[in-house]
Amino acid sequence: MVSSVSVHPNVLSNNFLSEQPAVSEETLYLSVVIPIYNEFDNLPTLIEQVSTVLDQEAYSYEIICVDDGSKDGSTQRLKDLSQTHGQLRAIIFRRNYGQTAAMAAGFEYAQGQIVITLDGDLQNDPQDIPRLLEKMKEGYDLVSGWRKQRQDAALTRLLPSKIANSLIAKVTGVKLHDYGCSLKAYRAELVSDLKLYGELHRFLPALAFIEGARITEIPVRHHPRRFGQSKYGLGRTFRVMMDLLTVYFMKTFLTRPMHVFGVLGMTSLSVGSFLAIYLVFLKFILNQAIGDRPLLMLAVVLFLSGIQLFCFGLLGELLMRTYHESQNKPIYRIRDKVSF
């Protein structure tokens, strides 16, 4: 894989952070980020399992549960659990914003050197967390879980997921078996550079690859859902396709939009101009009527479309420069520097 991101610390300004323990260079401090939406029955077991695993491994850690507008009492249960679990923090959204927003909030408030994410439905196994961390010691920036023996319905979940994973891997160039697995481990400097919008949480490995991360995956356990109902279904297919197009464009043309709009525009202009010259030849050389020919309308449409596409490319170039320069956002990432 290509090189990783440089360190850009989070800018955080909430009193929530004043309670976070300091992290020494010698101590590995973990942040476990868990999006929560209507998981009232799962929460006690979930927090207990995560705490038990990390306590056994003697890690310093925090558990950040992001309540994404739950309506089943999960909010109060999180507050109650925080009284008995000193490492538990909770971020409560005013309403349901979606899993991407929940992940983004967790990343923003995470103070660990390594950030672990997992679902709140008990289908991910916290006992796999040490295995993710062990794999990261090989120099990876992101280690993704692969639910090799997935415990979900074959027709409504497994088949669409397999097709989507294959398509995403082909389009993005990041060869993973399971993009949908929430159990992942990230280096903190990586997530600080990941800006999430819409529903891009399922494309985090692809976004990390754009930032230059080294990525791998390991098989992890997957359990049947014990309580509640799944929030996912076939209705997500269209949104996944639209997000995939967004990620592909970001991966391929983020810093050079003119390369796509300009090529399309010049092609359209060239074809439209060629048709116009041909029609002029028919009109003035061969004295043929061209007013009722569909070819005339096609030439006009192609010519005007070419101009519009070319202008889109210019606007895209201006927006790209604003995007990078206004945020002082570099167009490259440095993993290390030697002999400076």
C-alpha atoms as a PDB file:
ATOM      1  CA  MET A   1       0.000   0.000   0.000  1.00  0.00           C
ATOM      2  CA  VAL A   2       0.994   3.610  -0.351  1.00  0.00           C
ATOM      3  CA  SER A   3       2.205   5.825   2.469  1.00  0.00           C
ATOM      4  CA  SER A   4       0.085   7.181   5.293  1.00  0.00           C
ATOM      5  CA  VAL A   5      -1.044  10.563   6.466  1.00  0.00           C
ATOM      6  CA  SER A   6       0.874  13.136   8.457  1.00  0.00           C
ATOM      7  CA  VAL A   7      -0.279  14.091  11.925  1.00  0.00           C
ATOM      8  CA  HIS A   8      -2.814  16.870  12.195  1.00  0.00           C
ATOM      9  CA  PRO A   9      -4.236  16.974  15.751  1.00  0.00           C
ATOM     10  CA  ASN A  10      -7.964  17.481  16.227  1.00  0.00           C
ATOM     11  CA  VAL A  11      -9.220  20.915  17.100  1.00  0.00           C
ATOM     12  CA  LEU A  12     -11.591  20.357  20.031  1.00  0.00           C
ATOM     13  CA  SER A  13     -13.251  22.961  22.173  1.00  0.00           C
ATOM     14  CA  ASN A  14     -15.850  21.216  24.343  1.00  0.00           C
ATOM     15  CA  ASN A  15     -15.779  20.803  28.120  1.00  0.00           C
ATOM     16  CA  PHE A  16     -16.261  17.098  27.423  1.00  0.00           C
ATOM     17  CA  LEU A  17     -12.554  16.945  26.634  1.00  0.00           C
ATOM     18  CA  SER A  18     -11.365  18.401  29.917  1.00  0.00           C
ATOM     19  CA  GLU A  19     -12.109  15.079  31.585  1.00  0.00           C
ATOM     20  CA  GLN A  20      -9.959  13.031  29.198  1.00  0.00           C
ATOM     21  CA  PRO A  21      -6.785  11.538  30.709  1.00  0.00           C
ATOM     22  CA  ALA A  22      -3.421  12.635  29.401  1.00  0.00           C
ATOM     23  CA  VAL A  23      -1.607  10.253  27.078  1.00  0.00           C
ATOM     24  CA  SER A  24       2.088   9.642  27.575  1.00  0.00           C
ATOM     25  CA  GLU A  25       4.315   8.543  24.729  1.00  0.00           C
ATOM     26  CA  GLU A  26       4.997   5.243  26.509  1.00  0.00           C
ATOM     27  CA  THR A  27       1.330   4.348  27.069  1.00  0.00           C
ATOM     28  CA  LEU A  28      -0.970   3.159  24.311  1.00  0.00           C
ATOM     29  CA  TYR A  29      -4.301   4.876  24.828  1.00  0.00           C
ATOM     30  CA  LEU A  30      -7.328   3.578  22.943  1.00  0.00           C
ATOM     31  CA  SER A  31     -10.568   5.270  21.952  1.00  0.00           C
ATOM     32  CA  VAL A  32     -13.449   2.900  21.233  1.00  0.00           C
ATOM     33  CA  VAL A  33     -16.135   4.680  19.185  1.00  0.00           C
ATOM     34  CA  ILE A  34     -19.585   3.052  19.098  1.00  0.00           C
ATOM     35  CA  PRO A  35     -22.550   4.609  17.227  1.00  0.00           C
ATOM     36  CA  ILE A  36     -25.783   3.870  19.102  1.00  0.00           C
ATOM     37  CA  TYR A  37     -29.321   3.991  17.769  1.00  0.00           C
ATOM     38  CA  ASN A  38     -32.083   2.262  19.742  1.00  0.00           C
ATOM     39  CA  GLU A  39     -29.849  -0.324  21.442  1.00  0.00           C
ATOM     40  CA  PHE A  40     -31.394  -0.211  24.929  1.00  0.00           C
ATOM     41  CA  ASP A  41     -31.175  -3.963  25.568  1.00  0.00           C
ATOM     42  CA  ASN A  42     -27.678  -4.334  24.091  1.00  0.00           C
ATOM     43  CA  LEU A  43     -25.927  -1.508  25.934  1.00  0.00           C
ATOM     44  CA  PRO A  44     -25.156  -3.118  29.335  1.00  0.00           C
ATOM     45  CA  THR A  45     -23.690  -6.264  27.755  1.00  0.00           C
ATOM     46  CA  LEU A  46     -21.840  -4.246  25.113  1.00  0.00           C
ATOM     47  CA  ILE A  47     -20.103  -1.918  27.569  1.00  0.00           C
ATOM     48  CA  GLU A  48     -19.301  -4.821  29.899  1.00  0.00           C
ATOM     49  CA  GLN A  49     -17.761  -6.895  27.105  1.00  0.00           C
ATOM     50  CA  VAL A  50     -15.616  -4.054  25.761  1.00  0.00           C
ATOM     51  CA  SER A  51     -14.446  -3.068  29.241  1.00  0.00           C
ATOM     52  CA  THR A  52     -13.610  -6.647  30.196  1.00  0.00           C
ATOM     53  CA  VAL A  53     -11.497  -7.258  27.093  1.00  0.00           C
ATOM     54  CA  LEU A  54      -9.538  -4.015  27.382  1.00  0.00           C
ATOM     55  CA  ASP A  55      -9.043  -4.392  31.143  1.00  0.00           C
ATOM     56  CA  GLN A  56      -7.666  -7.895  30.634  1.00  0.00           C
ATOM     57  CA  GLU A  57      -5.178  -6.556  28.097  1.00  0.00           C
ATOM     58  CA  ALA A  58      -4.243  -3.740  30.506  1.00  0.00           C
ATOM     59  CA  TYR A  59      -4.924  -1.002  27.966  1.00  0.00           C
ATOM     60  CA  SER A  60      -5.678   2.578  28.915  1.00  0.00           C
ATOM     61  CA  TYR A  61      -8.861   3.434  27.106  1.00  0.00           C
ATOM     62  CA  GLU A  62     -12.063   5.393  26.738  1.00  0.00           C
ATOM     63  CA  ILE A  63     -15.384   4.228  25.322  1.00  0.00           C
ATOM     64  CA  ILE A  64     -17.246   6.893  23.371  1.00  0.00           C
ATOM     65  CA  CYS A  65     -20.875   6.018  22.641  1.00  0.00           C
ATOM     66  CA  VAL A  66     -22.559   8.393  20.208  1.00  0.00           C
ATOM     67  CA  ASP A  67     -26.325   8.287  20.695  1.00  0.00           C
ATOM     68  CA  ASP A  68     -27.769   9.076  17.283  1.00  0.00           C
ATOM     69  CA  GLY A  69     -31.188  10.281  18.445  1.00  0.00           C
ATOM     70  CA  SER A  70     -32.389   7.044  20.070  1.00  0.00           C
ATOM     71  CA  LYS A  71     -36.049   6.873  21.085  1.00  0.00           C
ATOM     72  CA  ASP A  72     -36.084   3.665  23.130  1.00  0.00           C
ATOM     73  CA  GLY A  73     -34.427   4.877  26.331  1.00  0.00           C
ATOM     74  CA  SER A  74     -30.838   4.284  25.186  1.00  0.00           C
ATOM     75  CA  THR A  75     -29.941   7.869  26.125  1.00  0.00           C
ATOM     76  CA  GLN A  76     -30.845   7.456  29.793  1.00  0.00           C
ATOM     77  CA  ARG A  77     -29.268   4.020  29.908  1.00  0.00           C
ATOM     78  CA  LEU A  78     -25.985   5.483  28.656  1.00  0.00           C
ATOM     79  CA  LYS A  79     -26.118   8.124  31.372  1.00  0.00           C
ATOM     80  CA  ASP A  80     -26.773   5.445  33.994  1.00  0.00           C
ATOM     81  CA  LEU A  81     -23.952   3.224  32.717  1.00  0.00           C
ATOM     82  CA  SER A  82     -21.514   6.139  32.802  1.00  0.00           C
ATOM     83  CA  GLN A  83     -21.984   6.259  36.581  1.00  0.00           C
ATOM     84  CA  THR A  84     -20.612   2.740  36.971  1.00  0.00           C
ATOM     85  CA  HIS A  85     -18.088   2.677  34.107  1.00  0.00           C
ATOM     86  CA  GLY A  86     -15.500   5.410  34.548  1.00  0.00           C
ATOM     87  CA  GLN A  87     -14.146   5.055  30.988  1.00  0.00           C
ATOM     88  CA  LEU A  88     -17.536   5.507  29.339  1.00  0.00           C
ATOM     89  CA  ARG A  89     -18.301   8.832  27.648  1.00  0.00           C
ATOM     90  CA  ALA A  90     -21.503   9.631  25.780  1.00  0.00           C
ATOM     91  CA  ILE A  91     -22.270  12.106  23.034  1.00  0.00           C
ATOM     92  CA  ILE A  92     -26.009  12.691  22.647  1.00  0.00           C
ATOM     93  CA  PHE A  93     -27.333  13.993  19.338  1.00  0.00           C
ATOM     94  CA  ARG A  94     -30.435  16.184  19.269  1.00  0.00           C
ATOM     95  CA  ARG A  95     -31.972  13.977  16.574  1.00  0.00           C
ATOM     96  CA  ASN A  96     -31.081  11.119  14.255  1.00  0.00           C
ATOM     97  CA  TYR A  97     -28.347  12.271  11.879  1.00  0.00           C
ATOM     98  CA  GLY A  98     -27.150   8.877  10.643  1.00  0.00           C
ATOM     99  CA  GLN A  99     -24.169   6.635  11.236  1.00  0.00           C
ATOM    100  CA  THR A 100     -21.732   8.812   9.286  1.00  0.00           C
ATOM    101  CA  ALA A 101     -22.406  11.790  11.574  1.00  0.00           C
ATOM    102  CA  ALA A 102     -22.075   9.557  14.623  1.00  0.00           C
ATOM    103  CA  MET A 103     -18.708   8.257  13.424  1.00  0.00           C
ATOM    104  CA  ALA A 104     -17.522  11.774  12.654  1.00  0.00           C
ATOM    105  CA  ALA A 105     -18.442  12.974  16.164  1.00  0.00           C
ATOM    106  CA  GLY A 106     -16.686  10.011  17.733  1.00  0.00           C
ATOM    107  CA  PHE A 107     -13.560  10.681  15.695  1.00  0.00           C
ATOM    108  CA  GLU A 108     -13.599  14.360  16.653  1.00  0.00           C
ATOM    109  CA  TYR A 109     -13.762  13.702  20.387  1.00  0.00           C
ATOM    110  CA  ALA A 110     -11.485  10.654  20.456  1.00  0.00           C
ATOM    111  CA  GLN A 111      -8.269  11.245  22.392  1.00  0.00           C
ATOM    112  CA  GLY A 112      -6.599   7.875  21.813  1.00  0.00           C
ATOM    113  CA  GLN A 113      -3.586   7.108  19.703  1.00  0.00           C
ATOM    114  CA  ILE A 114      -5.600   4.259  18.187  1.00  0.00           C
ATOM    115  CA  VAL A 115      -9.315   4.548  17.407  1.00  0.00           C
ATOM    116  CA  ILE A 116     -11.432   1.387  17.384  1.00  0.00           C
ATOM    117  CA  THR A 117     -14.934   1.371  15.894  1.00  0.00           C
ATOM    118  CA  LEU A 118     -17.625  -1.273  16.247  1.00  0.00           C
ATOM    119  CA  ASP A 119     -21.388  -1.573  16.054  1.00  0.00           C
ATOM    120  CA  GLY A 120     -23.629  -1.366  19.095  1.00  0.00           C
ATOM    121  CA  ASP A 121     -25.722  -4.446  18.258  1.00  0.00           C
ATOM    122  CA  LEU A 122     -23.365  -7.077  19.798  1.00  0.00           C
ATOM    123  CA  GLN A 123     -22.716  -8.677  16.411  1.00  0.00           C
ATOM    124  CA  ASN A 124     -19.077  -7.539  16.466  1.00  0.00           C
ATOM    125  CA  ASP A 125     -16.947  -9.332  19.052  1.00  0.00           C
ATOM    126  CA  PRO A 126     -14.809  -7.075  21.303  1.00  0.00           C
ATOM    127  CA  GLN A 127     -12.416  -9.990  21.800  1.00  0.00           C
ATOM    128  CA  ASP A 128     -11.139  -9.293  18.271  1.00  0.00           C
ATOM    129  CA  ILE A 129      -9.863  -5.844  19.290  1.00  0.00           C
ATOM    130  CA  PRO A 130      -6.451  -7.118  20.526  1.00  0.00           C
ATOM    131  CA  ARG A 131      -6.009  -8.954  17.217  1.00  0.00           C
ATOM    132  CA  LEU A 132      -6.623  -5.727  15.294  1.00  0.00           C
ATOM    133  CA  LEU A 133      -4.052  -3.938  17.436  1.00  0.00           C
ATOM    134  CA  GLU A 134      -1.522  -6.728  16.990  1.00  0.00           C
ATOM    135  CA  LYS A 135      -1.904  -6.472  13.219  1.00  0.00           C
ATOM    136  CA  MET A 136      -1.343  -2.716  13.349  1.00  0.00           C
ATOM    137  CA  LYS A 137       2.122  -3.340  14.800  1.00  0.00           C
ATOM    138  CA  GLU A 138       3.140  -4.507  11.325  1.00  0.00           C
ATOM    139  CA  GLY A 139       2.935  -0.882  10.178  1.00  0.00           C
ATOM    140  CA  TYR A 140      -0.630  -0.571   8.973  1.00  0.00           C
ATOM    141  CA  ASP A 141      -2.695   2.581   9.448  1.00  0.00           C
ATOM    142  CA  LEU A 142      -6.086   0.894   9.156  1.00  0.00           C
ATOM    143  CA  VAL A 143      -6.982  -2.700   9.964  1.00  0.00           C
ATOM    144  CA  SER A 144     -10.479  -3.704   8.879  1.00  0.00           C
ATOM    145  CA  GLY A 145     -12.509  -6.651  10.099  1.00  0.00           C
ATOM    146  CA  TRP A 146     -13.734  -9.294   7.678  1.00  0.00           C
ATOM    147  CA  ARG A 147     -16.896 -11.102   8.768  1.00  0.00           C
ATOM    148  CA  LYS A 148     -15.878 -14.317   7.045  1.00  0.00           C
ATOM    149  CA  GLN A 149     -18.648 -16.338   8.719  1.00  0.00           C
ATOM    150  CA  ARG A 150     -21.351 -13.688   8.714  1.00  0.00           C
ATOM    151  CA  GLN A 151     -24.511 -14.405  10.696  1.00  0.00           C
ATOM    152  CA  ASP A 152     -27.125 -12.560   8.635  1.00  0.00           C
ATOM    153  CA  ALA A 153     -29.968 -13.387   6.264  1.00  0.00           C
ATOM    154  CA  ALA A 154     -28.574 -14.732   2.989  1.00  0.00           C
ATOM    155  CA  LEU A 155     -30.984 -13.076   0.552  1.00  0.00           C
ATOM    156  CA  THR A 156     -31.551  -9.653   2.077  1.00  0.00           C
ATOM    157  CA  ARG A 157     -28.127  -9.049   3.636  1.00  0.00           C
ATOM    158  CA  LEU A 158     -25.383 -11.413   2.462  1.00  0.00           C
ATOM    159  CA  LEU A 159     -25.995 -11.382  -1.305  1.00  0.00           C
ATOM    160  CA  PRO A 160     -26.397  -7.572  -1.673  1.00  0.00           C
ATOM    161  CA  SER A 161     -23.387  -7.064   0.603  1.00  0.00           C
ATOM    162  CA  LYS A 162     -21.214  -9.420  -1.440  1.00  0.00           C
ATOM    163  CA  ILE A 163     -22.147  -7.675  -4.677  1.00  0.00           C
ATOM    164  CA  ALA A 164     -21.569  -4.237  -3.146  1.00  0.00           C
ATOM    165  CA  ASN A 165     -18.184  -5.212  -1.680  1.00  0.00           C
ATOM    166  CA  SER A 166     -17.007  -6.556  -5.015  1.00  0.00           C
ATOM    167  CA  LEU A 167     -18.143  -3.425  -6.848  1.00  0.00           C
ATOM    168  CA  ILE A 168     -16.646  -1.035  -4.290  1.00  0.00           C
ATOM    169  CA  ALA A 169     -13.322  -2.881  -4.317  1.00  0.00           C
ATOM    170  CA  LYS A 170     -13.175  -2.742  -8.111  1.00  0.00           C
ATOM    171  CA  VAL A 171     -14.113   0.942  -8.388  1.00  0.00           C
ATOM    172  CA  THR A 172     -11.967   2.256  -5.513  1.00  0.00           C
ATOM    173  CA  GLY A 173      -8.982  -0.048  -5.980  1.00  0.00           C
ATOM    174  CA  VAL A 174      -8.976  -1.023  -2.287  1.00  0.00           C
ATOM    175  CA  LYS A 175      -9.280  -4.800  -2.230  1.00  0.00           C
ATOM    176  CA  LEU A 176     -11.269  -5.674   0.893  1.00  0.00           C
ATOM    177  CA  HIS A 177     -13.783  -8.479   1.324  1.00  0.00           C
ATOM    178  CA  ASP A 178     -16.033  -6.640   3.761  1.00  0.00           C
ATOM    179  CA  TYR A 179     -16.475  -2.876   3.551  1.00  0.00           C
ATOM    180  CA  GLY A 180     -19.567  -3.024   5.752  1.00  0.00           C
ATOM    181  CA  CYS A 181     -17.847  -4.394   8.852  1.00  0.00           C
ATOM    182  CA  SER A 182     -17.760  -1.639  11.471  1.00  0.00           C
ATOM    183  CA  LEU A 183     -15.032  -3.347  13.503  1.00  0.00           C
ATOM    184  CA  LYS A 184     -11.922  -1.449  12.446  1.00  0.00           C
ATOM    185  CA  ALA A 185      -8.777   0.036  13.994  1.00  0.00           C
ATOM    186  CA  TYR A 186      -7.374   3.399  12.849  1.00  0.00           C
ATOM    187  CA  ARG A 187      -4.351   5.439  13.762  1.00  0.00           C
ATOM    188  CA  ALA A 188      -5.420   8.763  15.276  1.00  0.00           C
ATOM    189  CA  GLU A 189      -3.514  10.816  12.719  1.00  0.00           C
ATOM    190  CA  LEU A 190      -5.494   9.106   9.991  1.00  0.00           C
ATOM    191  CA  VAL A 191      -8.986   9.804  11.347  1.00  0.00           C
ATOM    192  CA  SER A 192      -8.043  13.428  12.013  1.00  0.00           C
ATOM    193  CA  ASP A 193      -7.728  13.854   8.236  1.00  0.00           C
ATOM    194  CA  LEU A 194     -10.941  12.037   7.343  1.00  0.00           C
ATOM    195  CA  LYS A 195     -13.808  14.476   6.818  1.00  0.00           C
ATOM    196  CA  LEU A 196     -17.116  12.619   6.670  1.00  0.00           C
ATOM    197  CA  TYR A 197     -20.300  13.851   5.044  1.00  0.00           C
ATOM    198  CA  GLY A 198     -23.514  12.275   3.791  1.00  0.00           C
ATOM    199  CA  GLU A 199     -23.272   8.515   4.266  1.00  0.00           C
ATOM    200  CA  LEU A 200     -19.604   7.940   3.548  1.00  0.00           C
ATOM    201  CA  HIS A 201     -18.904   5.859   6.663  1.00  0.00           C
ATOM    202  CA  ARG A 202     -19.086   2.632   4.634  1.00  0.00           C
ATOM    203  CA  PHE A 203     -16.298   3.948   2.388  1.00  0.00           C
ATOM    204  CA  LEU A 204     -13.832   4.775   5.158  1.00  0.00           C
ATOM    205  CA  PRO A 205     -11.124   2.418   3.802  1.00  0.00           C
ATOM    206  CA  ALA A 206     -11.403   4.050   0.370  1.00  0.00           C
ATOM    207  CA  LEU A 207     -11.253   7.552   1.901  1.00  0.00           C
ATOM    208  CA  ALA A 208      -8.259   6.469   3.973  1.00  0.00           C
ATOM    209  CA  PHE A 209      -6.588   5.146   0.825  1.00  0.00           C
ATOM    210  CA  ILE A 210      -7.026   8.574  -0.779  1.00  0.00           C
ATOM    211  CA  GLU A 211      -5.160   9.998   2.229  1.00  0.00           C
ATOM    212  CA  GLY A 212      -2.326   7.525   1.620  1.00  0.00           C
ATOM    213  CA  ALA A 213      -3.065   4.973   4.352  1.00  0.00           C
ATOM    214  CA  ARG A 214      -1.699   1.433   4.446  1.00  0.00           C
ATOM    215  CA  ILE A 215      -4.689  -0.868   4.786  1.00  0.00           C
ATOM    216  CA  THR A 216      -5.269  -4.539   5.489  1.00  0.00           C
ATOM    217  CA  GLU A 217      -8.006  -6.793   6.873  1.00  0.00           C
ATOM    218  CA  ILE A 218      -8.241  -9.825   9.154  1.00  0.00           C
ATOM    219  CA  PRO A 219     -11.092 -12.303   9.686  1.00  0.00           C
ATOM    220  CA  VAL A 220     -13.196 -11.494  12.751  1.00  0.00           C
ATOM    221  CA  ARG A 221     -16.061 -13.193  14.524  1.00  0.00           C
ATOM    222  CA  HIS A 222     -19.663 -12.254  13.855  1.00  0.00           C
ATOM    223  CA  HIS A 223     -22.634 -13.107  16.050  1.00  0.00           C
ATOM    224  CA  PRO A 224     -26.370 -13.212  15.353  1.00  0.00           C
ATOM    225  CA  ARG A 225     -28.283 -10.171  16.584  1.00  0.00           C
ATOM    226  CA  ARG A 226     -29.684 -10.881  20.066  1.00  0.00           C
ATOM    227  CA  PHE A 227     -31.906  -7.859  20.671  1.00  0.00           C
ATOM    228  CA  GLY A 228     -33.629  -5.257  18.518  1.00  0.00           C
ATOM    229  CA  GLN A 229     -33.869  -5.035  14.746  1.00  0.00           C
ATOM    230  CA  SER A 230     -31.372  -4.290  12.014  1.00  0.00           C
ATOM    231  CA  LYS A 231     -31.367  -0.712  10.704  1.00  0.00           C
ATOM    232  CA  TYR A 232     -30.141  -1.787   7.263  1.00  0.00           C
ATOM    233  CA  GLY A 233     -31.959  -3.190   4.262  1.00  0.00           C
ATOM    234  CA  LEU A 234     -32.136  -3.302   0.479  1.00  0.00           C
ATOM    235  CA  GLY A 235     -33.286   0.332   0.432  1.00  0.00           C
ATOM    236  CA  ARG A 236     -29.686   1.438   0.974  1.00  0.00           C
ATOM    237  CA  THR A 237     -28.584   0.160  -2.471  1.00  0.00           C
ATOM    238  CA  PHE A 238     -29.284   3.397  -4.369  1.00  0.00           C
ATOM    239  CA  ARG A 239     -27.536   5.537  -1.745  1.00  0.00           C
ATOM    240  CA  VAL A 240     -24.518   3.228  -1.800  1.00  0.00           C
ATOM    241  CA  MET A 241     -24.248   3.611  -5.579  1.00  0.00           C
ATOM    242  CA  MET A 242     -24.422   7.410  -5.395  1.00  0.00           C
ATOM    243  CA  ASP A 243     -21.825   7.521  -2.623  1.00  0.00           C
ATOM    244  CA  LEU A 244     -19.600   5.177  -4.619  1.00  0.00           C
ATOM    245  CA  LEU A 245     -19.634   7.602  -7.547  1.00  0.00           C
ATOM    246  CA  THR A 246     -18.670  10.402  -5.145  1.00  0.00           C
ATOM    247  CA  VAL A 247     -15.769   8.406  -3.725  1.00  0.00           C
ATOM    248  CA  TYR A 248     -14.576   7.410  -7.188  1.00  0.00           C
ATOM    249  CA  PHE A 249     -14.540  11.036  -8.308  1.00  0.00           C
ATOM    250  CA  MET A 250     -12.694  12.083  -5.140  1.00  0.00           C
ATOM    251  CA  LYS A 251     -10.128   9.330  -5.615  1.00  0.00           C
ATOM    252  CA  THR A 252      -9.535  10.012  -9.290  1.00  0.00           C
ATOM    253  CA  PHE A 253     -10.224  13.683  -9.982  1.00  0.00           C
ATOM    254  CA  LEU A 254     -10.226  15.562  -6.669  1.00  0.00           C
ATOM    255  CA  THR A 255      -7.171  17.666  -7.541  1.00  0.00           C
ATOM    256  CA  ARG A 256      -7.764  17.735 -11.317  1.00  0.00           C
ATOM    257  CA  PRO A 257     -11.472  18.110 -12.149  1.00  0.00           C
ATOM    258  CA  MET A 258     -10.646  19.614 -15.549  1.00  0.00           C
ATOM    259  CA  HIS A 259      -9.296  16.200 -16.570  1.00  0.00           C
ATOM    260  CA  VAL A 260     -12.810  14.764 -16.539  1.00  0.00           C
ATOM    261  CA  PHE A 261     -14.986  17.761 -17.424  1.00  0.00           C
ATOM    262  CA  GLY A 262     -12.471  19.146 -19.893  1.00  0.00           C
ATOM    263  CA  VAL A 263     -12.143  15.861 -21.785  1.00  0.00           C
ATOM    264  CA  LEU A 264     -15.902  15.411 -21.971  1.00  0.00           C
ATOM    265  CA  GLY A 265     -16.360  19.048 -22.969  1.00  0.00           C
ATOM    266  CA  MET A 266     -13.730  18.969 -25.703  1.00  0.00           C
ATOM    267  CA  THR A 267     -15.140  15.699 -27.052  1.00  0.00           C
ATOM    268  CA  SER A 268     -18.652  17.128 -27.165  1.00  0.00           C
ATOM    269  CA  LEU A 269     -17.398  20.369 -28.752  1.00  0.00           C
ATOM    270  CA  SER A 270     -15.391  18.478 -31.359  1.00  0.00           C
ATOM    271  CA  VAL A 271     -18.260  16.221 -32.390  1.00  0.00           C
ATOM    272  CA  GLY A 272     -20.713  19.145 -32.435  1.00  0.00           C
ATOM    273  CA  SER A 273     -18.326  21.244 -34.525  1.00  0.00           C
ATOM    274  CA  PHE A 274     -17.733  18.387 -36.975  1.00  0.00           C
ATOM    275  CA  LEU A 275     -21.494  17.916 -37.428  1.00  0.00           C
ATOM    276  CA  ALA A 276     -21.952  21.666 -37.892  1.00  0.00           C
ATOM    277  CA  ILE A 277     -19.268  21.771 -40.611  1.00  0.00           C
ATOM    278  CA  TYR A 278     -20.889  18.794 -42.311  1.00  0.00           C
ATOM    279  CA  LEU A 279     -24.279  20.519 -42.264  1.00  0.00           C
ATOM    280  CA  VAL A 280     -22.756  23.732 -43.637  1.00  0.00           C
ATOM    281  CA  PHE A 281     -21.269  21.662 -46.474  1.00  0.00           C
ATOM    282  CA  LEU A 282     -24.677  20.165 -47.221  1.00  0.00           C
ATOM    283  CA  LYS A 283     -26.365  23.567 -47.137  1.00  0.00           C
ATOM    284  CA  PHE A 284     -23.994  25.763 -49.137  1.00  0.00           C
ATOM    285  CA  ILE A 285     -22.139  23.280 -51.328  1.00  0.00           C
ATOM    286  CA  LEU A 286     -24.801  20.691 -52.128  1.00  0.00           C
ATOM    287  CA  ASN A 287     -27.761  23.078 -51.678  1.00  0.00           C
ATOM    288  CA  GLN A 288     -29.642  20.606 -49.489  1.00  0.00           C
ATOM    289  CA  ALA A 289     -32.194  21.652 -46.852  1.00  0.00           C
ATOM    290  CA  ILE A 290     -30.990  21.052 -43.300  1.00  0.00           C
ATOM    291  CA  GLY A 291     -33.679  22.816 -41.236  1.00  0.00           C
ATOM    292  CA  ASP A 292     -35.718  19.657 -40.681  1.00  0.00           C
ATOM    293  CA  ARG A 293     -32.771  17.334 -39.969  1.00  0.00           C
ATOM    294  CA  PRO A 294     -32.388  15.899 -36.436  1.00  0.00           C
ATOM    295  CA  LEU A 295     -28.657  16.158 -37.044  1.00  0.00           C
ATOM    296  CA  LEU A 296     -28.903  19.950 -36.792  1.00  0.00           C
ATOM    297  CA  MET A 297     -30.432  19.761 -33.305  1.00  0.00           C
ATOM    298  CA  LEU A 298     -27.833  17.200 -32.256  1.00  0.00           C
ATOM    299  CA  ALA A 299     -24.993  19.442 -33.421  1.00  0.00           C
ATOM    300  CA  VAL A 300     -26.380  22.421 -31.476  1.00  0.00           C
ATOM    301  CA  VAL A 301     -26.908  20.348 -28.308  1.00  0.00           C
ATOM    302  CA  LEU A 302     -23.419  18.821 -28.475  1.00  0.00           C
ATOM    303  CA  PHE A 303     -21.781  22.202 -29.084  1.00  0.00           C
ATOM    304  CA  LEU A 304     -23.585  23.905 -26.185  1.00  0.00           C
ATOM    305  CA  SER A 305     -23.025  20.891 -23.902  1.00  0.00           C
ATOM    306  CA  GLY A 306     -19.324  20.988 -24.683  1.00  0.00           C
ATOM    307  CA  ILE A 307     -19.108  24.643 -23.652  1.00  0.00           C
ATOM    308  CA  GLN A 308     -21.018  23.929 -20.432  1.00  0.00           C
ATOM    309  CA  LEU A 309     -18.852  20.933 -19.517  1.00  0.00           C
ATOM    310  CA  PHE A 310     -15.698  22.925 -20.178  1.00  0.00           C
ATOM    311  CA  CYS A 311     -17.013  25.700 -17.905  1.00  0.00           C
ATOM    312  CA  PHE A 312     -17.821  23.102 -15.225  1.00  0.00           C
ATOM    313  CA  GLY A 313     -14.207  22.001 -15.393  1.00  0.00           C
ATOM    314  CA  LEU A 314     -12.972  25.564 -14.880  1.00  0.00           C
ATOM    315  CA  LEU A 315     -15.352  26.036 -11.932  1.00  0.00           C
ATOM    316  CA  GLY A 316     -14.206  22.715 -10.501  1.00  0.00           C
ATOM    317  CA  GLU A 317     -10.584  23.834 -10.726  1.00  0.00           C
ATOM    318  CA  LEU A 318     -11.438  27.062  -8.875  1.00  0.00           C
ATOM    319  CA  LEU A 319     -13.379  25.178  -6.193  1.00  0.00           C
ATOM    320  CA  MET A 320     -10.549  22.684  -5.796  1.00  0.00           C
ATOM    321  CA  ARG A 321      -8.068  25.500  -5.189  1.00  0.00           C
ATOM    322  CA  THR A 322     -10.443  27.129  -2.704  1.00  0.00           C
ATOM    323  CA  TYR A 323     -10.896  23.771  -0.941  1.00  0.00           C
ATOM    324  CA  HIS A 324      -7.161  23.249  -0.507  1.00  0.00           C
ATOM    325  CA  GLU A 325      -5.922  26.793  -0.039  1.00  0.00           C
ATOM    326  CA  SER A 326      -8.644  28.099   2.302  1.00  0.00           C
ATOM    327  CA  GLN A 327      -8.016  25.209   4.709  1.00  0.00           C
ATOM    328  CA  ASN A 328      -4.270  25.117   4.073  1.00  0.00           C
ATOM    329  CA  LYS A 329      -4.927  21.499   3.119  1.00  0.00           C
ATOM    330  CA  PRO A 330      -1.913  19.870   1.424  1.00  0.00           C
ATOM    331  CA  ILE A 331      -2.277  17.818  -1.740  1.00  0.00           C
ATOM    332  CA  TYR A 332       0.204  15.240  -0.410  1.00  0.00           C
ATOM    333  CA  ARG A 333       0.804  13.344   2.841  1.00  0.00           C
ATOM    334  CA  ILE A 334       4.213  12.617   4.417  1.00  0.00           C
ATOM    335  CA  ARG A 335       4.710   9.434   6.434  1.00  0.00           C
ATOM    336  CA  ASP A 336       8.179  10.231   7.753  1.00  0.00           C
ATOM    337  CA  LYS A 337      11.180  12.506   7.280  1.00  0.00           C
ATOM    338  CA  VAL A 338      14.775  11.316   7.483  1.00  0.00           C
ATOM    339  CA  SER A 339      17.858  13.367   8.414  1.00  0.00           C
ATOM    340  CA  PHE A 340      16.049  16.699   8.687  1.00  0.00           C
END
